[in-house]
Amino acid sequence: MIDKWEEKYKSTQGELNLYKGKFLEFMVWTHLENAHKNQELYNKMFSGLPDGFVFSEFKQILSYTAPPLNPIQFQIDVFASPKQDSYALIGEVKNRKQESPFTIDEAKAFVQKANEFVKIEGVEKSILFVVSIGGFRNNALDYMKDKGIAWSADCRWLESFIV
């Protein structure tokens, strides 16, 4: 009897985590749509952006799933395609508790996915970023700094009134 309830709990917890992640993806999309209107705020919410980075208007913001026949299957949480000749943003989003920070293995997997995405879609100028509400392990941050990946653990991504 207890095993049945434990299984049900784990299943429900997994479903909740999926919805939490999708919610944060949606909030990041919403914020990026308006980031060009409040450069100072969004530059403060990120660390590791290139000096002088300016958020541009985006023609579309979406998630991306690899084509079915692609040998490597993956999903990109956030792809923000610029209207003008500016940087595309390619992002990974994690909405977890502090006890489960973003790891170096996840960072490496994200870089692999992003590289495959850039190859498939022919993205010329891009910045990779990770939003992880639960924070980052130190070795993951070191890896991301080394690879030029921007990051944020700012809880304001979950708020709708800051735009």
Protein backbone atom coordinates (compact mmCIF):
# COMPACT_ATOMS: atom_id res chain seq x y z
CA MET A 1 0.00 0.00 0.00
CA ILE A 2 2.77 2.44 0.92
CA ASP A 3 4.67 1.59 -2.27
CA LYS A 4 1.61 2.53 -4.30
CA TRP A 5 1.40 5.94 -2.60
CA GLU A 6 5.13 6.55 -2.95
CA GLU A 7 4.89 5.80 -6.66
CA LYS A 8 1.90 8.15 -6.98
CA TYR A 9 3.81 10.86 -5.06
CA LYS A 10 6.86 10.55 -7.32
CA SER A 11 4.69 10.69 -10.42
CA THR A 12 2.84 13.77 -9.17
CA GLN A 13 6.12 15.43 -8.13
CA GLY A 14 7.56 14.82 -11.60
CA GLU A 15 4.48 16.35 -13.21
CA LEU A 16 4.67 19.37 -10.90
CA ASN A 17 8.35 19.88 -11.78
CA LEU A 18 7.49 19.76 -15.48
CA TYR A 19 4.86 22.49 -15.03
CA LYS A 20 7.21 24.61 -12.92
CA GLY A 21 9.81 24.43 -15.69
CA LYS A 22 7.30 25.31 -18.41
CA PHE A 23 6.05 28.24 -16.34
CA LEU A 24 9.57 29.64 -16.00
CA GLU A 25 10.14 29.18 -19.74
CA PHE A 26 7.00 31.19 -20.42
CA MET A 27 8.07 33.92 -18.00
CA VAL A 28 11.54 34.15 -19.57
CA TRP A 29 9.94 34.46 -23.03
CA THR A 30 7.64 37.21 -21.74
CA HIS A 31 10.49 39.13 -20.14
CA LEU A 32 12.71 38.84 -23.21
CA GLU A 33 9.92 40.27 -25.38
CA ASN A 34 10.20 43.47 -23.34
CA ALA A 35 13.86 43.46 -22.28
CA HIS A 36 14.79 46.06 -24.93
CA LYS A 37 12.56 48.55 -23.04
CA ASN A 38 14.46 48.16 -19.76
CA GLN A 39 18.10 47.44 -20.62
CA GLU A 40 19.49 48.33 -17.20
CA LEU A 41 17.23 45.94 -15.29
CA TYR A 42 17.78 42.95 -17.54
CA ASN A 43 21.53 43.51 -17.76
CA LYS A 44 21.56 43.43 -13.93
CA MET A 45 19.53 40.21 -13.85
CA PHE A 46 22.18 38.44 -15.94
CA SER A 47 25.85 37.85 -15.22
CA GLY A 48 28.38 37.07 -17.91
CA LEU A 49 26.86 39.03 -20.78
CA PRO A 50 29.42 40.61 -23.12
CA ASP A 51 30.47 44.18 -22.26
CA GLY A 52 28.12 46.68 -23.83
CA PHE A 53 25.47 44.05 -24.56
CA VAL A 54 22.15 45.54 -25.65
CA PHE A 55 18.89 43.59 -25.71
CA SER A 56 17.29 44.00 -29.11
CA GLU A 57 13.72 43.46 -30.19
CA PHE A 58 13.08 39.86 -31.12
CA LYS A 59 11.02 38.75 -34.10
CA GLN A 60 10.16 35.50 -32.36
CA ILE A 61 10.79 33.71 -29.08
CA LEU A 62 10.08 30.01 -28.88
CA SER A 63 11.28 26.61 -27.78
CA TYR A 64 12.87 24.32 -30.33
CA THR A 65 12.86 20.56 -30.75
CA ALA A 66 15.30 18.86 -33.11
CA PRO A 67 13.80 17.52 -36.34
CA PRO A 68 12.73 13.86 -36.04
CA LEU A 69 15.37 12.61 -38.49
CA ASN A 70 18.23 14.49 -36.86
CA PRO A 71 20.71 11.96 -35.41
CA ILE A 72 20.87 13.92 -32.14
CA GLN A 73 17.54 14.57 -30.42
CA PHE A 74 17.33 17.58 -28.12
CA GLN A 75 15.20 20.52 -27.03
CA ILE A 76 16.19 24.15 -26.61
CA ASP A 77 14.06 25.89 -23.96
CA VAL A 78 14.43 29.43 -25.31
CA PHE A 79 15.43 30.66 -28.74
CA ALA A 80 15.04 34.41 -29.24
CA SER A 81 15.62 35.41 -32.85
CA PRO A 82 16.48 39.12 -33.30
CA LYS A 83 14.62 41.42 -35.69
CA GLN A 84 17.83 43.13 -36.77
CA ASP A 85 21.45 42.08 -37.11
CA SER A 86 21.95 41.41 -33.42
CA TYR A 87 22.57 38.46 -31.13
CA ALA A 88 20.17 35.54 -31.01
CA LEU A 89 19.70 34.24 -27.47
CA ILE A 90 19.75 30.50 -26.84
CA GLY A 91 18.76 29.51 -23.33
CA GLU A 92 18.34 26.69 -20.86
CA VAL A 93 15.81 27.21 -18.05
CA LYS A 94 15.59 25.37 -14.71
CA ASN A 95 13.01 26.13 -12.02
CA ARG A 96 14.25 24.16 -9.03
CA LYS A 97 14.80 24.50 -5.32
CA GLN A 98 18.13 25.71 -3.93
CA GLU A 99 19.00 22.10 -3.00
CA SER A 100 19.20 21.20 -6.71
CA PRO A 101 21.47 23.75 -8.40
CA PHE A 102 22.47 23.63 -12.07
CA THR A 103 25.39 21.22 -12.52
CA ILE A 104 28.46 21.09 -14.74
CA ASP A 105 27.05 18.01 -16.51
CA GLU A 106 23.92 19.98 -17.37
CA ALA A 107 26.05 22.88 -18.59
CA LYS A 108 28.07 20.57 -20.86
CA ALA A 109 24.89 18.95 -22.21
CA PHE A 110 23.43 22.40 -22.90
CA VAL A 111 26.52 23.46 -24.85
CA GLN A 112 26.24 20.30 -26.96
CA LYS A 113 22.55 20.96 -27.65
CA ALA A 114 23.20 24.61 -28.47
CA ASN A 115 26.06 23.76 -30.84
CA GLU A 116 23.86 21.26 -32.68
CA PHE A 117 21.05 23.82 -32.86
CA VAL A 118 23.36 26.51 -34.27
CA LYS A 119 24.59 24.03 -36.89
CA ILE A 120 21.08 22.95 -37.93
CA GLU A 121 19.55 26.44 -38.02
CA GLY A 122 22.60 28.35 -39.26
CA VAL A 123 22.53 30.90 -36.44
CA GLU A 124 25.36 33.38 -37.07
CA LYS A 125 25.59 35.43 -33.86
CA SER A 126 24.38 34.01 -30.59
CA ILE A 127 24.75 34.21 -26.85
CA LEU A 128 24.05 31.19 -24.70
CA PHE A 129 22.41 31.70 -21.32
CA VAL A 130 21.08 29.68 -18.39
CA VAL A 131 18.38 30.78 -15.96
CA SER A 132 18.39 28.54 -12.89
CA ILE A 133 16.25 29.71 -9.99
CA GLY A 134 17.93 27.10 -7.76
CA GLY A 135 21.37 28.56 -8.45
CA PHE A 136 24.52 26.96 -9.82
CA ARG A 137 27.23 24.66 -8.55
CA ASN A 138 30.61 26.42 -8.48
CA ASN A 139 32.18 24.12 -11.06
CA ALA A 140 29.21 24.74 -13.39
CA LEU A 141 29.71 28.50 -13.03
CA ASP A 142 33.43 28.15 -13.74
CA TYR A 143 32.66 26.10 -16.85
CA MET A 144 30.06 28.60 -18.06
CA LYS A 145 32.39 31.55 -17.49
CA ASP A 146 35.08 29.73 -19.46
CA LYS A 147 32.63 29.08 -22.33
CA GLY A 148 31.20 32.64 -22.31
CA ILE A 149 27.72 31.55 -21.22
CA ALA A 150 25.59 34.15 -19.42
CA TRP A 151 23.68 33.08 -16.30
CA SER A 152 21.01 34.20 -13.88
CA ALA A 153 19.56 32.89 -10.63
CA ASP A 154 17.39 35.99 -10.21
CA CYS A 155 13.91 35.19 -8.87
CA ARG A 156 12.48 38.22 -10.68
CA TRP A 157 12.12 36.02 -13.77
CA LEU A 158 9.09 34.56 -11.97
CA GLU A 159 7.46 37.98 -11.51
CA SER A 160 5.21 39.54 -14.09
CA PHE A 161 5.17 43.13 -12.84
CA ILE A 162 8.81 44.12 -13.44
CA VAL A 163 8.40 44.55 -17.20
